Each structure stands twice: as C-alpha cells, then as structure tokens.
Amino acid sequence: MRIVAGKHRGRTLIAPKGKGLRPTAGVAREGLFNILIHGRPARTGAQGLAGARVLEAFAGTGAFAFEALSRGAGSAVLLDTDPKALNAARANAEALGERDNVTLIKADATRPPSAASAEAAGIAFLDPPYGSGLGAEALGALAAKGWLATGALCIVEVAAGEPFTPPDGFEVLEERRFSAARLVFLRWRK
C-alpha cells in the first residue's frame, strides 16, 4: 500500500499481517481526495486540506490520515482499538517524519473519550468493518464527544450494497462507489 500523491507520494505504508485489516484501496483513496479537492464537497464549503485537522476512526494503518498529511493537512488523530494496527500507524508516522503531527488513541470510535475543543476535526474519515453498521453509530458518538468541528466534512466507507442512514445532524452531500466500496460524504450541521 502506497501514498498516492503529495510530499510522501509513492512511500509504502506498513500494515500488520493478518486478515483483520482491510485498507481502503489506492483507487478509492485517490478518488476520495480528488472529490475532496475538486468535487461537490469542495464546492459546498468544505474546509480545504491545507492545514486541516483530520480524524481517522477505525484507522488501521492510518492510510487516509497519512494521505491527507501528504497533501497538506496540518495534523491527524487516529482512533483504533487494535494494538497491532496502532503500532503499524505509529511506525508509518515515524517512517514518514510525521510523528509530531499525529496523535494515536486506542479507543472505540463508538465510545470515544471526550475531545478537547482544539482537537475538533474539520475532516473525518470512518472506515468501519463492512456490514457492521458501526459508521452511523460512530459518527453520532464522535460528534457528541466533541471530535467534529461545526461544519466538518465526514466521509464514511461502507460496502457498496450496505445500507447507511446517518444520525441526526448530518447531511448527506453525495455518495460514490469504487468497486466493493461506497464512500458517503456528509456535513456535520451542529
């Protein structure tokens, strides 16, 4: 798995061995960032990537966060419950020279700790296990605990045919399908 673009373009990310991790495919990440930069969310007032604080829940290797940092985001918080995934993300941050810009938190995104106001993210990416239904639950919990800034752009990756209904306070902006994945773009309105 490699960083698609930006200052870390082509750099390889470390992933733990095993079947429990399903990183977002490179083509989906490339499509996601093209939409962030040029698509409808960008035209409807999405915070740009330059200097942005990003949150990645169900982070795994941190591929989304490191892609965002590569393209100019200022900092990233990664939430995951798997120690192997967090160790891989820590190694990736170190290898990319991003250690000072990344905060790793061992936490369940559906029951996160409270965030300090300075930790509220303008862009959030959630990649729960396919078919788990945890995306909407995590969005609601992250918003309730202060992890999302008002107007934050949130992207939830679900299986292409998986139903997804956002919690109150979120407006669906658009959806895009990339092979087995569907990306749902939402705005936090509270």
Foldseek 3Di string as FASTA:
>chain_A
DAQCDAPRHGDDADADDDDPDDDDDPVVLVVVVCCLCPNDCVVVDQDHLAQFEEEEECQQLVNNVVNSVRHHHQAYEYEEQDPRSLVSNCVRCVVVVNNVRYHYDNDHLLAGAADDLVQAGQEYEYEDPEPPLCPQSSVVNCVVRNNHDAFRKYKYKYFPPDDHDHDPQKDWDDWDDDVRIIITIITRHD
